[in-house]
All heavy atoms as atom14 arrays in JSON, in Angstrom:
{
  "sequence": "DILSGDERVLMVGIFQHPFYPYSGADAKAKNMLNVPVPAFTRGPA",
  "atom14_mask": [
    [1, 1, 1, 1, 1, 1, 1, 1, 0, 0, 0, 0, 0, 0],
    [1, 1, 1, 1, 1, 1, 1, 1, 0, 0, 0, 0, 0, 0],
    [1, 1, 1, 1, 1, 1, 1, 1, 0, 0, 0, 0, 0, 0],
    [1, 1, 1, 1, 1, 1, 0, 0, 0, 0, 0, 0, 0, 0],
    [1, 1, 1, 1, 0, 0, 0, 0, 0, 0, 0, 0, 0, 0],
    [1, 1, 1, 1, 1, 1, 1, 1, 0, 0, 0, 0, 0, 0],
    [1, 1, 1, 1, 1, 1, 1, 1, 1, 0, 0, 0, 0, 0],
    [1, 1, 1, 1, 1, 1, 1, 1, 1, 1, 1, 0, 0, 0],
    [1, 1, 1, 1, 1, 1, 1, 0, 0, 0, 0, 0, 0, 0],
    [1, 1, 1, 1, 1, 1, 1, 1, 0, 0, 0, 0, 0, 0],
    [1, 1, 1, 1, 1, 1, 1, 1, 0, 0, 0, 0, 0, 0],
    [1, 1, 1, 1, 1, 1, 1, 0, 0, 0, 0, 0, 0, 0],
    [1, 1, 1, 1, 0, 0, 0, 0, 0, 0, 0, 0, 0, 0],
    [1, 1, 1, 1, 1, 1, 1, 1, 0, 0, 0, 0, 0, 0],
    [1, 1, 1, 1, 1, 1, 1, 1, 1, 1, 1, 0, 0, 0],
    [1, 1, 1, 1, 1, 1, 1, 1, 1, 0, 0, 0, 0, 0],
    [1, 1, 1, 1, 1, 1, 1, 1, 1, 1, 0, 0, 0, 0],
    [1, 1, 1, 1, 1, 1, 1, 0, 0, 0, 0, 0, 0, 0],
    [1, 1, 1, 1, 1, 1, 1, 1, 1, 1, 1, 0, 0, 0],
    [1, 1, 1, 1, 1, 1, 1, 1, 1, 1, 1, 1, 0, 0],
    [1, 1, 1, 1, 1, 1, 1, 0, 0, 0, 0, 0, 0, 0],
    [1, 1, 1, 1, 1, 1, 1, 1, 1, 1, 1, 1, 0, 0],
    [1, 1, 1, 1, 1, 1, 0, 0, 0, 0, 0, 0, 0, 0],
    [1, 1, 1, 1, 0, 0, 0, 0, 0, 0, 0, 0, 0, 0],
    [1, 1, 1, 1, 1, 0, 0, 0, 0, 0, 0, 0, 0, 0],
    [1, 1, 1, 1, 1, 1, 1, 1, 0, 0, 0, 0, 0, 0],
    [1, 1, 1, 1, 1, 0, 0, 0, 0, 0, 0, 0, 0, 0],
    [1, 1, 1, 1, 1, 1, 1, 1, 1, 0, 0, 0, 0, 0],
    [1, 1, 1, 1, 1, 0, 0, 0, 0, 0, 0, 0, 0, 0],
    [1, 1, 1, 1, 1, 1, 1, 1, 1, 0, 0, 0, 0, 0],
    [1, 1, 1, 1, 1, 1, 1, 1, 0, 0, 0, 0, 0, 0],
    [1, 1, 1, 1, 1, 1, 1, 1, 0, 0, 0, 0, 0, 0],
    [1, 1, 1, 1, 1, 1, 1, 1, 0, 0, 0, 0, 0, 0],
    [1, 1, 1, 1, 1, 1, 1, 1, 0, 0, 0, 0, 0, 0],
    [1, 1, 1, 1, 1, 1, 1, 0, 0, 0, 0, 0, 0, 0],
    [1, 1, 1, 1, 1, 1, 1, 0, 0, 0, 0, 0, 0, 0],
    [1, 1, 1, 1, 1, 1, 1, 0, 0, 0, 0, 0, 0, 0],
    [1, 1, 1, 1, 1, 1, 1, 0, 0, 0, 0, 0, 0, 0],
    [1, 1, 1, 1, 1, 0, 0, 0, 0, 0, 0, 0, 0, 0],
    [1, 1, 1, 1, 1, 1, 1, 1, 1, 1, 1, 0, 0, 0],
    [1, 1, 1, 1, 1, 1, 1, 0, 0, 0, 0, 0, 0, 0],
    [1, 1, 1, 1, 1, 1, 1, 1, 1, 1, 1, 0, 0, 0],
    [1, 1, 1, 1, 0, 0, 0, 0, 0, 0, 0, 0, 0, 0],
    [1, 1, 1, 1, 1, 1, 1, 0, 0, 0, 0, 0, 0, 0],
    [1, 1, 1, 1, 1, 0, 0, 0, 0, 0, 0, 0, 0, 0]
  ],
  "atom14_positions": [
    [[5.97, -0.64, -8.32], [6.94, -1.31, -9.16], [7.99, -0.34, -9.69], [9.19, -0.66, -9.75], [6.22, -1.99, -10.33], [7.16, -2.65, -11.31], [7.81, -3.65, -10.95], [7.26, -2.16, -12.46], [0.0, 0.0, 0.0], [0.0, 0.0, 0.0], [0.0, 0.0, 0.0], [0.0, 0.0, 0.0], [0.0, 0.0, 0.0], [0.0, 0.0, 0.0]],
    [[7.57, 0.86, -10.07], [8.47, 1.84, -10.66], [9.31, 2.55, -9.61], [10.51, 2.79, -9.82], [7.65, 2.85, -11.49], [7.02, 2.16, -12.71], [8.51, 4.03, -11.93], [5.93, 2.97, -13.39], [0.0, 0.0, 0.0], [0.0, 0.0, 0.0], [0.0, 0.0, 0.0], [0.0, 0.0, 0.0], [0.0, 0.0, 0.0], [0.0, 0.0, 0.0]],
    [[8.72, 2.88, -8.47], [9.39, 3.76, -7.51], [9.95, 3.04, -6.3], [10.66, 3.65, -5.49], [8.41, 4.84, -7.05], [7.86, 5.76, -8.16], [6.84, 6.73, -7.59], [8.98, 6.5, -8.86], [0.0, 0.0, 0.0], [0.0, 0.0, 0.0], [0.0, 0.0, 0.0], [0.0, 0.0, 0.0], [0.0, 0.0, 0.0], [0.0, 0.0, 0.0]],
    [[9.66, 1.76, -6.16], [10.17, 1.0, -5.02], [11.69, 1.05, -4.96], [12.37, 0.82, -5.96], [9.7, -0.45, -5.11], [10.16, -1.2, -4.03], [0.0, 0.0, 0.0], [0.0, 0.0, 0.0], [0.0, 0.0, 0.0], [0.0, 0.0, 0.0], [0.0, 0.0, 0.0], [0.0, 0.0, 0.0], [0.0, 0.0, 0.0], [0.0, 0.0, 0.0]],
    [[12.21, 1.38, -3.79], [13.65, 1.43, -3.59], [14.3, 2.75, -3.94], [15.49, 2.94, -3.67], [0.0, 0.0, 0.0], [0.0, 0.0, 0.0], [0.0, 0.0, 0.0], [0.0, 0.0, 0.0], [0.0, 0.0, 0.0], [0.0, 0.0, 0.0], [0.0, 0.0, 0.0], [0.0, 0.0, 0.0], [0.0, 0.0, 0.0], [0.0, 0.0, 0.0]],
    [[13.57, 3.67, -4.54], [14.1, 5.0, -4.86], [13.98, 5.86, -3.61], [12.89, 6.3, -3.25], [13.33, 5.61, -6.03], [13.94, 6.91, -6.55], [14.68, 7.57, -5.78], [13.69, 7.27, -7.71], [0.0, 0.0, 0.0], [0.0, 0.0, 0.0], [0.0, 0.0, 0.0], [0.0, 0.0, 0.0], [0.0, 0.0, 0.0], [0.0, 0.0, 0.0]],
    [[15.07, 6.11, -2.95], [15.05, 6.81, -1.66], [14.65, 8.27, -1.78], [14.4, 8.93, -0.78], [16.41, 6.69, -0.98], [16.75, 5.25, -0.6], [18.09, 5.14, 0.11], [18.8, 6.17, 0.22], [18.41, 4.03, 0.57], [0.0, 0.0, 0.0], [0.0, 0.0, 0.0], [0.0, 0.0, 0.0], [0.0, 0.0, 0.0], [0.0, 0.0, 0.0]],
    [[14.56, 8.77, -3.0], [14.09, 10.15, -3.21], [12.57, 10.25, -3.15], [12.02, 11.36, -3.18], [14.58, 10.67, -4.57], [16.08, 10.64, -4.76], [16.45, 10.96, -6.21], [15.9, 9.96, -7.13], [15.95, 10.07, -8.46], [16.5, 11.14, -9.01], [15.44, 9.11, -9.22], [0.0, 0.0, 0.0], [0.0, 0.0, 0.0], [0.0, 0.0, 0.0]],
    [[11.91, 9.1, -3.08], [10.45, 9.05, -3.14], [9.92, 8.33, -1.91], [10.45, 7.29, -1.5], [9.96, 8.31, -4.4], [8.44, 8.33, -4.48], [10.58, 8.92, -5.66], [0.0, 0.0, 0.0], [0.0, 0.0, 0.0], [0.0, 0.0, 0.0], [0.0, 0.0, 0.0], [0.0, 0.0, 0.0], [0.0, 0.0, 0.0], [0.0, 0.0, 0.0]],
    [[8.85, 8.87, -1.33], [8.07, 8.16, -0.32], [6.67, 7.97, -0.88], [6.04, 8.94, -1.32], [7.99, 8.95, 0.98], [7.02, 8.41, 2.03], [7.48, 7.05, 2.57], [6.82, 9.41, 3.18], [0.0, 0.0, 0.0], [0.0, 0.0, 0.0], [0.0, 0.0, 0.0], [0.0, 0.0, 0.0], [0.0, 0.0, 0.0], [0.0, 0.0, 0.0]],
    [[6.18, 6.74, -0.88], [4.81, 6.46, -1.3], [4.0, 6.0, -0.11], [4.41, 5.08, 0.61], [4.77, 5.38, -2.39], [3.36, 5.05, -2.87], [3.35, 3.8, -4.21], [1.58, 3.62, -4.47], [0.0, 0.0, 0.0], [0.0, 0.0, 0.0], [0.0, 0.0, 0.0], [0.0, 0.0, 0.0], [0.0, 0.0, 0.0], [0.0, 0.0, 0.0]],
    [[2.86, 6.64, 0.12], [1.93, 6.22, 1.16], [0.58, 5.98, 0.52], [0.2, 6.68, -0.44], [1.81, 7.24, 2.31], [3.18, 7.49, 2.95], [1.21, 8.55, 1.85], [0.0, 0.0, 0.0], [0.0, 0.0, 0.0], [0.0, 0.0, 0.0], [0.0, 0.0, 0.0], [0.0, 0.0, 0.0], [0.0, 0.0, 0.0], [0.0, 0.0, 0.0]],
    [[-0.16, 5.0, 1.01], [-1.46, 4.71, 0.42], [-2.3, 3.82, 1.3], [-1.83, 3.25, 2.3], [0.0, 0.0, 0.0], [0.0, 0.0, 0.0], [0.0, 0.0, 0.0], [0.0, 0.0, 0.0], [0.0, 0.0, 0.0], [0.0, 0.0, 0.0], [0.0, 0.0, 0.0], [0.0, 0.0, 0.0], [0.0, 0.0, 0.0], [0.0, 0.0, 0.0]],
    [[-3.55, 3.72, 0.93], [-4.48, 2.74, 1.51], [-5.11, 2.0, 0.35], [-5.22, 2.53, -0.77], [-5.56, 3.36, 2.42], [-6.37, 4.43, 1.64], [-4.95, 3.94, 3.68], [-7.7, 3.96, 1.15], [0.0, 0.0, 0.0], [0.0, 0.0, 0.0], [0.0, 0.0, 0.0], [0.0, 0.0, 0.0], [0.0, 0.0, 0.0], [0.0, 0.0, 0.0]],
    [[-5.54, 0.76, 0.59], [-6.24, 0.02, -0.45], [-6.96, -1.15, 0.19], [-6.55, -1.66, 1.24], [-5.27, -0.5, -1.53], [-4.16, -1.37, -1.0], [-4.3, -2.75, -0.98], [-2.99, -0.81, -0.53], [-3.28, -3.56, -0.49], [-1.97, -1.61, -0.03], [-2.11, -2.98, -0.02], [0.0, 0.0, 0.0], [0.0, 0.0, 0.0], [0.0, 0.0, 0.0]],
    [[-8.06, -1.57, -0.44], [-8.8, -2.74, 0.03], [-7.99, -3.99, -0.24], [-7.4, -4.16, -1.31], [-10.13, -2.81, -0.69], [-11.02, -3.97, -0.27], [-12.35, -3.98, -1.0], [-12.89, -2.92, -1.33], [-12.87, -5.16, -1.27], [0.0, 0.0, 0.0], [0.0, 0.0, 0.0], [0.0, 0.0, 0.0], [0.0, 0.0, 0.0], [0.0, 0.0, 0.0]],
    [[-7.97, -4.89, 0.73], [-7.2, -6.13, 0.59], [-7.9, -7.25, 1.37], [-8.36, -7.03, 2.48], [-5.78, -5.93, 1.14], [-4.89, -7.13, 0.96], [-4.3, -7.43, -0.24], [-4.53, -8.09, 1.83], [-3.58, -8.53, -0.1], [-3.72, -8.96, 1.14], [0.0, 0.0, 0.0], [0.0, 0.0, 0.0], [0.0, 0.0, 0.0], [0.0, 0.0, 0.0]],
    [[-7.99, -8.46, 0.81], [-7.52, -8.87, -0.52], [-8.45, -8.37, -1.62], [-9.66, -8.44, -1.48], [-7.53, -10.39, -0.43], [-8.58, -10.71, 0.58], [-8.53, -9.6, 1.58], [0.0, 0.0, 0.0], [0.0, 0.0, 0.0], [0.0, 0.0, 0.0], [0.0, 0.0, 0.0], [0.0, 0.0, 0.0], [0.0, 0.0, 0.0], [0.0, 0.0, 0.0]],
    [[-7.86, -7.91, -2.69], [-8.61, -7.3, -3.79], [-7.65, -7.09, -4.94], [-6.43, -7.07, -4.75], [-9.2, -5.95, -3.31], [-10.37, -5.45, -4.1], [-11.37, -6.29, -4.52], [-10.48, -4.09, -4.39], [-12.47, -5.81, -5.24], [-11.56, -3.6, -5.1], [-12.56, -4.46, -5.52], [0.0, 0.0, 0.0], [0.0, 0.0, 0.0], [0.0, 0.0, 0.0]],
    [[-8.17, -6.91, -6.14], [-7.33, -6.63, -7.3], [-6.39, -5.46, -7.0], [-6.81, -4.47, -6.42], [-8.2, -6.27, -8.5], [-7.42, -5.99, -9.75], [-7.12, -7.02, -10.65], [-6.96, -4.71, -10.05], [-6.38, -6.76, -11.8], [-6.23, -4.46, -11.19], [-5.94, -5.48, -12.06], [-5.2, -5.24, -13.19], [0.0, 0.0, 0.0], [0.0, 0.0, 0.0]],
    [[-5.11, -5.56, -7.35], [-4.41, -6.61, -8.1], [-3.71, -7.64, -7.2], [-2.74, -8.24, -7.6], [-3.39, -5.82, -8.92], [-3.01, -4.7, -8.0], [-4.26, -4.35, -7.24], [0.0, 0.0, 0.0], [0.0, 0.0, 0.0], [0.0, 0.0, 0.0], [0.0, 0.0, 0.0], [0.0, 0.0, 0.0], [0.0, 0.0, 0.0], [0.0, 0.0, 0.0]],
    [[-4.24, -7.81, -5.98], [-3.76, -8.84, -5.05], [-2.27, -8.67, -4.73], [-1.48, -9.61, -4.78], [-4.06, -10.24, -5.59], [-5.53, -10.38, -5.94], [-5.95, -10.31, -7.26], [-6.48, -10.53, -4.93], [-7.31, -10.4, -7.58], [-7.83, -10.62, -5.24], [-8.23, -10.56, -6.56], [-9.57, -10.63, -6.86], [0.0, 0.0, 0.0], [0.0, 0.0, 0.0]],
    [[-1.91, -7.44, -4.41], [-0.53, -7.12, -4.08], [-0.53, -6.02, -3.03], [-1.58, -5.49, -2.66], [0.22, -6.64, -5.33], [-0.37, -5.47, -5.86], [0.0, 0.0, 0.0], [0.0, 0.0, 0.0], [0.0, 0.0, 0.0], [0.0, 0.0, 0.0], [0.0, 0.0, 0.0], [0.0, 0.0, 0.0], [0.0, 0.0, 0.0], [0.0, 0.0, 0.0]],
    [[0.66, -5.7, -2.53], [0.83, -4.54, -1.67], [0.83, -4.81, -0.19], [1.23, -3.95, 0.6], [0.0, 0.0, 0.0], [0.0, 0.0, 0.0], [0.0, 0.0, 0.0], [0.0, 0.0, 0.0], [0.0, 0.0, 0.0], [0.0, 0.0, 0.0], [0.0, 0.0, 0.0], [0.0, 0.0, 0.0], [0.0, 0.0, 0.0], [0.0, 0.0, 0.0]],
    [[0.36, -5.98, 0.24], [0.32, -6.25, 1.67], [1.71, -6.35, 2.27], [1.93, -6.03, 3.44], [-0.48, -7.53, 1.94], [0.0, 0.0, 0.0], [0.0, 0.0, 0.0], [0.0, 0.0, 0.0], [0.0, 0.0, 0.0], [0.0, 0.0, 0.0], [0.0, 0.0, 0.0], [0.0, 0.0, 0.0], [0.0, 0.0, 0.0], [0.0, 0.0, 0.0]],
    [[2.67, -6.81, 1.46], [4.06, -6.89, 1.9], [4.86, -5.86, 1.11], [5.06, -6.02, -0.1], [4.63, -8.29, 1.66], [3.87, -9.35, 2.45], [3.58, -9.1, 3.62], [3.55, -10.39, 1.85], [0.0, 0.0, 0.0], [0.0, 0.0, 0.0], [0.0, 0.0, 0.0], [0.0, 0.0, 0.0], [0.0, 0.0, 0.0], [0.0, 0.0, 0.0]],
    [[5.31, -4.8, 1.78], [6.02, -3.72, 1.11], [7.34, -4.23, 0.53], [8.06, -4.99, 1.17], [6.29, -2.57, 2.06], [0.0, 0.0, 0.0], [0.0, 0.0, 0.0], [0.0, 0.0, 0.0], [0.0, 0.0, 0.0], [0.0, 0.0, 0.0], [0.0, 0.0, 0.0], [0.0, 0.0, 0.0], [0.0, 0.0, 0.0], [0.0, 0.0, 0.0]],
    [[7.63, -3.79, -0.7], [8.86, -4.21, -1.36], [10.08, -3.46, -0.84], [11.2, -3.94, -0.96], [8.73, -3.97, -2.87], [7.74, -4.86, -3.58], [7.75, -4.58, -5.07], [6.82, -5.51, -5.82], [6.84, -5.25, -7.28], [0.0, 0.0, 0.0], [0.0, 0.0, 0.0], [0.0, 0.0, 0.0], [0.0, 0.0, 0.0], [0.0, 0.0, 0.0]],
    [[9.88, -2.28, -0.3], [11.02, -1.45, 0.08], [10.62, -0.5, 1.2], [9.43, -0.28, 1.46], [11.54, -0.67, -1.12], [0.0, 0.0, 0.0], [0.0, 0.0, 0.0], [0.0, 0.0, 0.0], [0.0, 0.0, 0.0], [0.0, 0.0, 0.0], [0.0, 0.0, 0.0], [0.0, 0.0, 0.0], [0.0, 0.0, 0.0], [0.0, 0.0, 0.0]],
    [[11.6, 0.08, 1.84], [11.35, 0.96, 2.99], [10.65, 2.25, 2.61], [10.06, 2.9, 3.47], [12.67, 1.27, 3.68], [13.32, 0.06, 4.37], [14.62, 0.45, 5.04], [15.26, -0.76, 5.72], [16.55, -0.41, 6.36], [0.0, 0.0, 0.0], [0.0, 0.0, 0.0], [0.0, 0.0, 0.0], [0.0, 0.0, 0.0], [0.0, 0.0, 0.0]],
    [[10.72, 2.62, 1.35], [10.07, 3.87, 0.93], [8.61, 3.66, 0.56], [7.98, 4.58, 0.03], [10.83, 4.52, -0.22], [10.75, 3.72, -1.51], [10.81, 2.49, -1.5], [10.63, 4.41, -2.65], [0.0, 0.0, 0.0], [0.0, 0.0, 0.0], [0.0, 0.0, 0.0], [0.0, 0.0, 0.0], [0.0, 0.0, 0.0], [0.0, 0.0, 0.0]],
    [[8.06, 2.48, 0.84], [6.66, 2.18, 0.56], [5.89, 2.01, 1.86], [6.24, 1.16, 2.68], [6.55, 0.9, -0.26], [7.2, 0.96, -1.63], [6.22, 1.93, -2.8], [7.5, 3.0, -3.48], [0.0, 0.0, 0.0], [0.0, 0.0, 0.0], [0.0, 0.0, 0.0], [0.0, 0.0, 0.0], [0.0, 0.0, 0.0], [0.0, 0.0, 0.0]],
    [[4.84, 2.81, 2.06], [3.94, 2.64, 3.2], [2.52, 2.56, 2.66], [1.77, 3.53, 2.66], [4.07, 3.81, 4.19], [3.13, 3.76, 5.39], [3.41, 2.53, 6.27], [3.23, 5.03, 6.22], [0.0, 0.0, 0.0], [0.0, 0.0, 0.0], [0.0, 0.0, 0.0], [0.0, 0.0, 0.0], [0.0, 0.0, 0.0], [0.0, 0.0, 0.0]],
    [[2.18, 1.4, 2.15], [0.85, 1.15, 1.59], [0.09, 0.25, 2.54], [0.51, -0.87, 2.82], [0.97, 0.53, 0.2], [1.6, 1.48, -0.8], [1.19, 2.63, -0.88], [2.6, 1.02, -1.53], [0.0, 0.0, 0.0], [0.0, 0.0, 0.0], [0.0, 0.0, 0.0], [0.0, 0.0, 0.0], [0.0, 0.0, 0.0], [0.0, 0.0, 0.0]],
    [[-1.02, 0.75, 3.08], [-1.71, 0.11, 4.19], [-2.94, -0.64, 3.69], [-3.91, -0.03, 3.25], [-2.12, 1.15, 5.25], [-2.72, 0.45, 6.46], [-0.93, 2.02, 5.65], [0.0, 0.0, 0.0], [0.0, 0.0, 0.0], [0.0, 0.0, 0.0], [0.0, 0.0, 0.0], [0.0, 0.0, 0.0], [0.0, 0.0, 0.0], [0.0, 0.0, 0.0]],
    [[-2.94, -1.98, 3.76], [-4.13, -2.73, 3.36], [-5.22, -2.64, 4.41], [-4.94, -2.66, 5.62], [-3.59, -4.17, 3.24], [-2.42, -4.22, 4.17], [-1.82, -2.85, 4.17], [0.0, 0.0, 0.0], [0.0, 0.0, 0.0], [0.0, 0.0, 0.0], [0.0, 0.0, 0.0], [0.0, 0.0, 0.0], [0.0, 0.0, 0.0], [0.0, 0.0, 0.0]],
    [[-6.46, -2.52, 3.95], [-7.59, -2.49, 4.88], [-8.66, -3.45, 4.37], [-8.77, -3.7, 3.17], [-8.19, -1.07, 5.01], [-7.16, -0.1, 5.57], [-8.73, -0.56, 3.69], [0.0, 0.0, 0.0], [0.0, 0.0, 0.0], [0.0, 0.0, 0.0], [0.0, 0.0, 0.0], [0.0, 0.0, 0.0], [0.0, 0.0, 0.0], [0.0, 0.0, 0.0]],
    [[-9.45, -4.03, 5.27], [-10.47, -4.99, 4.84], [-11.66, -4.3, 4.19], [-11.89, -3.09, 4.37], [-10.87, -5.68, 6.14], [-10.58, -4.68, 7.21], [-9.37, -3.92, 6.75], [0.0, 0.0, 0.0], [0.0, 0.0, 0.0], [0.0, 0.0, 0.0], [0.0, 0.0, 0.0], [0.0, 0.0, 0.0], [0.0, 0.0, 0.0], [0.0, 0.0, 0.0]],
    [[-12.42, -5.07, 3.42], [-13.66, -4.57, 2.84], [-14.55, -3.99, 3.94], [-14.53, -4.43, 5.09], [-14.38, -5.7, 2.11], [0.0, 0.0, 0.0], [0.0, 0.0, 0.0], [0.0, 0.0, 0.0], [0.0, 0.0, 0.0], [0.0, 0.0, 0.0], [0.0, 0.0, 0.0], [0.0, 0.0, 0.0], [0.0, 0.0, 0.0], [0.0, 0.0, 0.0]],
    [[-15.31, -2.97, 3.55], [-16.3, -2.29, 4.39], [-15.67, -1.37, 5.44], [-16.35, -0.9, 6.35], [-17.25, -3.3, 5.05], [-17.84, -4.27, 4.06], [-17.51, -5.61, 4.1], [-18.69, -3.82, 3.06], [-18.01, -6.5, 3.16], [-19.21, -4.7, 2.12], [-18.88, -6.04, 2.17], [0.0, 0.0, 0.0], [0.0, 0.0, 0.0], [0.0, 0.0, 0.0]],
    [[-14.36, -1.11, 5.32], [-13.74, -0.09, 6.18], [-14.32, 1.27, 5.83], [-14.45, 1.63, 4.66], [-12.21, -0.08, 5.98], [-11.69, -1.37, 6.29], [-11.56, 0.96, 6.87], [0.0, 0.0, 0.0], [0.0, 0.0, 0.0], [0.0, 0.0, 0.0], [0.0, 0.0, 0.0], [0.0, 0.0, 0.0], [0.0, 0.0, 0.0], [0.0, 0.0, 0.0]],
    [[-14.64, 2.06, 6.85], [-15.27, 3.35, 6.62], [-14.31, 4.5, 6.93], [-13.17, 4.3, 7.36], [-16.55, 3.48, 7.46], [-17.65, 2.53, 7.0], [-18.93, 2.72, 7.8], [-20.03, 1.95, 7.23], [-20.86, 2.38, 6.3], [-20.73, 3.61, 5.82], [-21.84, 1.62, 5.85], [0.0, 0.0, 0.0], [0.0, 0.0, 0.0], [0.0, 0.0, 0.0]],
    [[-14.81, 5.69, 6.73], [-13.99, 6.89, 6.84], [-13.24, 7.06, 8.14], [-12.05, 7.4, 8.12], [0.0, 0.0, 0.0], [0.0, 0.0, 0.0], [0.0, 0.0, 0.0], [0.0, 0.0, 0.0], [0.0, 0.0, 0.0], [0.0, 0.0, 0.0], [0.0, 0.0, 0.0], [0.0, 0.0, 0.0], [0.0, 0.0, 0.0], [0.0, 0.0, 0.0]],
    [[-13.87, 6.9, 9.31], [-13.13, 7.13, 10.55], [-11.88, 6.27, 10.69], [-10.84, 6.74, 11.16], [-14.18, 6.77, 11.63], [-15.49, 7.08, 10.99], [-15.32, 6.69, 9.55], [0.0, 0.0, 0.0], [0.0, 0.0, 0.0], [0.0, 0.0, 0.0], [0.0, 0.0, 0.0], [0.0, 0.0, 0.0], [0.0, 0.0, 0.0], [0.0, 0.0, 0.0]],
    [[-11.95, 5.01, 10.25], [-10.77, 4.15, 10.32], [-9.7, 4.61, 9.35], [-8.5, 4.56, 9.66], [-11.16, 2.7, 10.04], [0.0, 0.0, 0.0], [0.0, 0.0, 0.0], [0.0, 0.0, 0.0], [0.0, 0.0, 0.0], [0.0, 0.0, 0.0], [0.0, 0.0, 0.0], [0.0, 0.0, 0.0], [0.0, 0.0, 0.0], [0.0, 0.0, 0.0]]
  ]
}
């Protein structure tokens, strides 16, 4: 929410989805690369 669209920042992440806070699957801006993964995903993936 704070850094979306700020071209000076790149954010990358992983998170369980669907899960709290039920967001992030659709990136708000090009500088966001947050990758949703299903429950029970393990380290190799």
